[in-house]
Amino acid sequence: MGLADKAKNVAQDAKGKAKEVVGDVTGNDSLRNEGKADQGKSSLKQAGENIKDAFRD
């Protein structure tokens, strides 16, 4: 996996966690759910990159 892709995935995950926390604190369910969705997308991208890396080796 490229370093840039890793950084993007980590940034998306961190952004999702932040949204989730802010949504919890403010009682904004929409923002909390959006944060969870961002984290899920990041995890899926990470898994896809890991699979690509496994086939390259």
N, C-alpha and C. Protein backbone atom coordinates (compact mmCIF):
# COMPACT_ATOMS: atom_id res chain seq x y z
N MET A 1 0.85 -1.16 0.00
CA MET A 1 0.00 0.00 0.00
C MET A 1 0.89 1.23 0.00
N GLY A 2 0.50 2.19 -0.78
CA GLY A 2 1.27 3.42 -0.85
C GLY A 2 1.13 4.23 0.42
N LEU A 3 2.14 4.97 0.71
CA LEU A 3 2.15 5.80 1.91
C LEU A 3 1.02 6.83 1.86
N ALA A 4 0.76 7.38 0.70
CA ALA A 4 -0.31 8.38 0.57
C ALA A 4 -1.67 7.76 0.87
N ASP A 5 -1.89 6.53 0.37
CA ASP A 5 -3.16 5.85 0.64
C ASP A 5 -3.32 5.57 2.13
N LYS A 6 -2.25 5.14 2.77
CA LYS A 6 -2.30 4.89 4.21
C LYS A 6 -2.67 6.16 4.96
N ALA A 7 -2.04 7.25 4.59
CA ALA A 7 -2.30 8.53 5.26
C ALA A 7 -3.75 8.97 5.07
N LYS A 8 -4.27 8.79 3.86
CA LYS A 8 -5.66 9.16 3.60
C LYS A 8 -6.62 8.32 4.43
N ASN A 9 -6.34 7.03 4.53
CA ASN A 9 -7.21 6.16 5.30
C ASN A 9 -7.17 6.50 6.79
N VAL A 10 -5.99 6.78 7.29
CA VAL A 10 -5.85 7.16 8.71
C VAL A 10 -6.56 8.48 8.97
N ALA A 11 -6.42 9.43 8.04
CA ALA A 11 -7.07 10.73 8.20
C ALA A 11 -8.59 10.58 8.17
N GLN A 12 -9.10 9.74 7.27
CA GLN A 12 -10.54 9.53 7.19
C GLN A 12 -11.06 8.87 8.46
N ASP A 13 -10.31 7.93 8.99
CA ASP A 13 -10.70 7.27 10.22
C ASP A 13 -10.72 8.26 11.39
N ALA A 14 -9.70 9.09 11.47
CA ALA A 14 -9.62 10.07 12.56
C ALA A 14 -10.76 11.09 12.44
N LYS A 15 -11.05 11.51 11.22
CA LYS A 15 -12.14 12.45 11.00
C LYS A 15 -13.47 11.81 11.42
N GLY A 16 -13.64 10.55 11.09
CA GLY A 16 -14.85 9.85 11.47
C GLY A 16 -15.00 9.73 12.98
N LYS A 17 -13.90 9.42 13.65
CA LYS A 17 -13.95 9.33 15.12
C LYS A 17 -14.30 10.68 15.73
N ALA A 18 -13.72 11.74 15.18
CA ALA A 18 -14.02 13.08 15.70
C ALA A 18 -15.49 13.43 15.50
N LYS A 19 -16.02 13.13 14.32
CA LYS A 19 -17.44 13.40 14.06
C LYS A 19 -18.32 12.61 15.02
N GLU A 20 -17.95 11.36 15.26
CA GLU A 20 -18.74 10.53 16.16
C GLU A 20 -18.75 11.11 17.57
N VAL A 21 -17.60 11.55 18.05
CA VAL A 21 -17.50 12.12 19.40
C VAL A 21 -18.31 13.42 19.48
N VAL A 22 -18.15 14.29 18.49
CA VAL A 22 -18.89 15.55 18.49
C VAL A 22 -20.39 15.27 18.44
N GLY A 23 -20.79 14.31 17.63
CA GLY A 23 -22.20 13.94 17.56
C GLY A 23 -22.73 13.42 18.89
N ASP A 24 -21.92 12.63 19.59
CA ASP A 24 -22.32 12.13 20.91
C ASP A 24 -22.47 13.27 21.90
N VAL A 25 -21.50 14.17 21.91
CA VAL A 25 -21.49 15.27 22.88
C VAL A 25 -22.67 16.22 22.64
N THR A 26 -22.95 16.50 21.38
CA THR A 26 -24.00 17.46 21.05
C THR A 26 -25.38 16.82 20.92
N GLY A 27 -25.42 15.49 20.93
CA GLY A 27 -26.70 14.80 20.75
C GLY A 27 -27.16 14.78 19.31
N ASN A 28 -26.24 15.00 18.39
CA ASN A 28 -26.55 15.02 16.97
C ASN A 28 -26.35 13.62 16.40
N ASP A 29 -27.45 12.88 16.28
CA ASP A 29 -27.37 11.50 15.79
C ASP A 29 -26.89 11.42 14.35
N SER A 30 -27.26 12.40 13.54
CA SER A 30 -26.85 12.40 12.14
C SER A 30 -25.32 12.51 12.02
N LEU A 31 -24.74 13.40 12.79
CA LEU A 31 -23.29 13.58 12.76
C LEU A 31 -22.58 12.34 13.31
N ARG A 32 -23.13 11.78 14.37
CA ARG A 32 -22.54 10.57 14.96
C ARG A 32 -22.56 9.43 13.94
N ASN A 33 -23.69 9.26 13.25
CA ASN A 33 -23.79 8.20 12.25
C ASN A 33 -22.87 8.44 11.06
N GLU A 34 -22.72 9.71 10.68
CA GLU A 34 -21.81 10.05 9.59
C GLU A 34 -20.37 9.69 9.97
N GLY A 35 -20.02 9.93 11.22
CA GLY A 35 -18.69 9.58 11.70
C GLY A 35 -18.45 8.08 11.66
N LYS A 36 -19.46 7.32 12.07
CA LYS A 36 -19.33 5.86 12.02
C LYS A 36 -19.19 5.38 10.57
N ALA A 37 -19.93 6.02 9.67
CA ALA A 37 -19.85 5.65 8.25
C ALA A 37 -18.46 5.94 7.70
N ASP A 38 -17.89 7.09 8.07
CA ASP A 38 -16.53 7.43 7.62
C ASP A 38 -15.53 6.39 8.11
N GLN A 39 -15.68 5.96 9.34
CA GLN A 39 -14.77 4.95 9.89
C GLN A 39 -14.93 3.62 9.15
N GLY A 40 -16.16 3.27 8.82
CA GLY A 40 -16.41 2.03 8.08
C GLY A 40 -15.79 2.07 6.70
N LYS A 41 -15.93 3.20 6.02
CA LYS A 41 -15.34 3.35 4.69
C LYS A 41 -13.82 3.22 4.77
N SER A 42 -13.25 3.83 5.78
CA SER A 42 -11.81 3.76 5.95
C SER A 42 -11.35 2.32 6.17
N SER A 43 -12.10 1.59 6.98
CA SER A 43 -11.75 0.18 7.24
C SER A 43 -11.84 -0.66 5.97
N LEU A 44 -12.86 -0.42 5.17
CA LEU A 44 -13.01 -1.17 3.91
C LEU A 44 -11.87 -0.86 2.95
N LYS A 45 -11.50 0.41 2.86
CA LYS A 45 -10.39 0.78 1.98
C LYS A 45 -9.09 0.13 2.45
N GLN A 46 -8.89 0.13 3.76
CA GLN A 46 -7.69 -0.47 4.33
C GLN A 46 -7.65 -1.96 4.00
N ALA A 47 -8.78 -2.65 4.14
CA ALA A 47 -8.84 -4.08 3.84
C ALA A 47 -8.54 -4.33 2.36
N GLY A 48 -9.09 -3.49 1.50
CA GLY A 48 -8.84 -3.63 0.07
C GLY A 48 -7.36 -3.44 -0.27
N GLU A 49 -6.74 -2.47 0.36
CA GLU A 49 -5.31 -2.24 0.13
C GLU A 49 -4.49 -3.41 0.65
N ASN A 50 -4.87 -3.98 1.78
CA ASN A 50 -4.15 -5.13 2.32
C ASN A 50 -4.25 -6.34 1.39
N ILE A 51 -5.40 -6.53 0.76
CA ILE A 51 -5.58 -7.62 -0.18
C ILE A 51 -4.70 -7.40 -1.41
N LYS A 52 -4.68 -6.16 -1.91
CA LYS A 52 -3.82 -5.86 -3.06
C LYS A 52 -2.36 -6.12 -2.71
N ASP A 53 -1.95 -5.73 -1.51
CA ASP A 53 -0.57 -5.94 -1.08
C ASP A 53 -0.25 -7.43 -1.00
N ALA A 54 -1.20 -8.22 -0.55
CA ALA A 54 -0.97 -9.67 -0.41
C ALA A 54 -0.73 -10.31 -1.78
N PHE A 55 -1.44 -9.84 -2.81
CA PHE A 55 -1.26 -10.42 -4.13
C PHE A 55 0.00 -9.92 -4.82
N ARG A 56 0.54 -8.78 -4.40
CA ARG A 56 1.78 -8.26 -4.98
C ARG A 56 2.99 -9.05 -4.50
N ASP A 57 2.89 -9.57 -3.28
CA ASP A 57 4.04 -10.28 -2.69
C ASP A 57 4.18 -11.66 -3.22
